Amino acid sequence: MAFSLNTRKDKGVVIIELSGKFTVGEPVLQLRTTIDRLIKEGDLKFIVNLENASLLDSGTLGELVSILTSLRARGGDLKLITRPRD
């Protein structure tokens, strides 16, 4: 399964929707590049919706922690939305 990453803004918060498999490589690079670009544009509040992500590997989780650390150092934040367990 391929991956996709879509962004939108709502009331000063960037919402990033992840779908498919997010593993080290192109998916994580695209996530990092997208967030870096948005931070340079002045955005510091993010929600990452993982409800449609079928896989997150340890590299992806590490990248999310790195992004959170970077945002908090700038006065921003990152929240995650996950799907409930069955």
Protein backbone atom coordinates (compact mmCIF):
# COMPACT_ATOMS: atom_id res chain seq x y z
CA MET A 1 0.00 0.00 0.00
CA ALA A 2 1.26 3.46 -0.88
CA PHE A 3 1.29 6.38 1.47
CA SER A 4 -0.26 9.83 1.28
CA LEU A 5 0.12 13.01 3.26
CA ASN A 6 -2.43 15.84 3.06
CA THR A 7 -2.40 19.14 4.92
CA ARG A 8 -4.98 21.76 5.72
CA LYS A 9 -5.22 24.65 8.13
CA ASP A 10 -8.04 25.31 10.57
CA LYS A 11 -8.02 28.19 13.06
CA GLY A 12 -4.24 28.54 13.10
CA VAL A 13 -3.56 24.81 13.41
CA VAL A 14 -2.06 22.69 10.63
CA ILE A 15 -3.79 19.33 10.33
CA ILE A 16 -1.76 16.62 8.62
CA GLU A 17 -3.62 13.51 7.50
CA LEU A 18 -1.43 10.43 7.03
CA SER A 19 -2.67 7.39 5.10
CA GLY A 20 -0.98 4.09 4.30
CA LYS A 21 2.41 2.83 5.42
CA PHE A 22 4.87 5.28 6.95
CA THR A 23 8.34 3.80 7.13
CA VAL A 24 11.85 5.21 7.01
CA GLY A 25 12.57 6.58 3.56
CA GLU A 26 10.33 8.61 1.28
CA PRO A 27 7.27 8.78 3.60
CA VAL A 28 9.27 10.09 6.57
CA LEU A 29 11.27 12.45 4.35
CA GLN A 30 8.06 13.91 2.93
CA LEU A 31 6.61 14.35 6.44
CA ARG A 32 9.76 16.13 7.66
CA THR A 33 10.03 18.31 4.55
CA THR A 34 6.38 19.33 4.80
CA ILE A 35 6.61 20.26 8.48
CA ASP A 36 9.93 22.10 8.01
CA ARG A 37 8.37 24.17 5.22
CA LEU A 38 5.34 25.01 7.35
CA ILE A 39 7.51 26.00 10.32
CA LYS A 40 9.47 28.35 8.03
CA GLU A 41 6.12 29.86 7.00
CA GLY A 42 5.39 30.54 10.69
CA ASP A 43 3.19 27.60 11.66
CA LEU A 44 3.92 26.13 15.08
CA LYS A 45 0.77 24.18 15.99
CA PHE A 46 0.20 20.81 14.36
CA ILE A 47 -2.19 17.91 14.60
CA VAL A 48 -1.13 14.67 12.92
CA ASN A 49 -4.08 12.40 12.20
CA LEU A 50 -2.92 8.78 12.15
CA GLU A 51 -6.38 7.18 11.90
CA ASN A 52 -5.77 6.00 8.32
CA ALA A 53 -2.09 5.12 8.72
CA SER A 54 -1.79 1.35 8.47
CA LEU A 55 1.83 1.20 9.67
CA LEU A 56 4.26 3.46 11.54
CA ASP A 57 7.73 2.05 12.04
CA SER A 58 10.14 3.06 14.79
CA GLY A 59 11.87 5.53 12.46
CA THR A 60 8.58 7.32 11.87
CA LEU A 61 7.88 7.48 15.60
CA GLY A 62 11.39 8.81 16.21
CA GLU A 63 10.82 11.49 13.58
CA LEU A 64 7.55 12.53 15.26
CA VAL A 65 9.40 12.86 18.59
CA SER A 66 12.11 14.94 16.89
CA ILE A 67 9.48 17.18 15.31
CA LEU A 68 7.73 17.60 18.67
CA THR A 69 11.01 18.55 20.36
CA SER A 70 11.78 21.09 17.62
CA LEU A 71 8.32 22.62 17.81
CA ARG A 72 8.31 22.90 21.60
CA ALA A 73 11.70 24.64 21.51
CA ARG A 74 10.01 27.30 19.34
CA GLY A 75 6.90 27.55 21.53
CA GLY A 76 4.81 25.25 19.34
CA ASP A 77 3.22 21.86 19.81
CA LEU A 78 2.22 18.67 18.04
CA LYS A 79 -0.74 16.43 18.89
CA LEU A 80 -1.55 12.99 17.52
CA ILE A 81 -4.93 11.51 16.69
CA THR A 82 -5.11 7.73 16.59
CA ARG A 83 -7.91 5.31 15.92
CA PRO A 84 -9.40 3.44 18.84
CA ARG A 85 -8.41 -0.20 19.25
CA ASP A 86 -10.98 -2.75 18.15
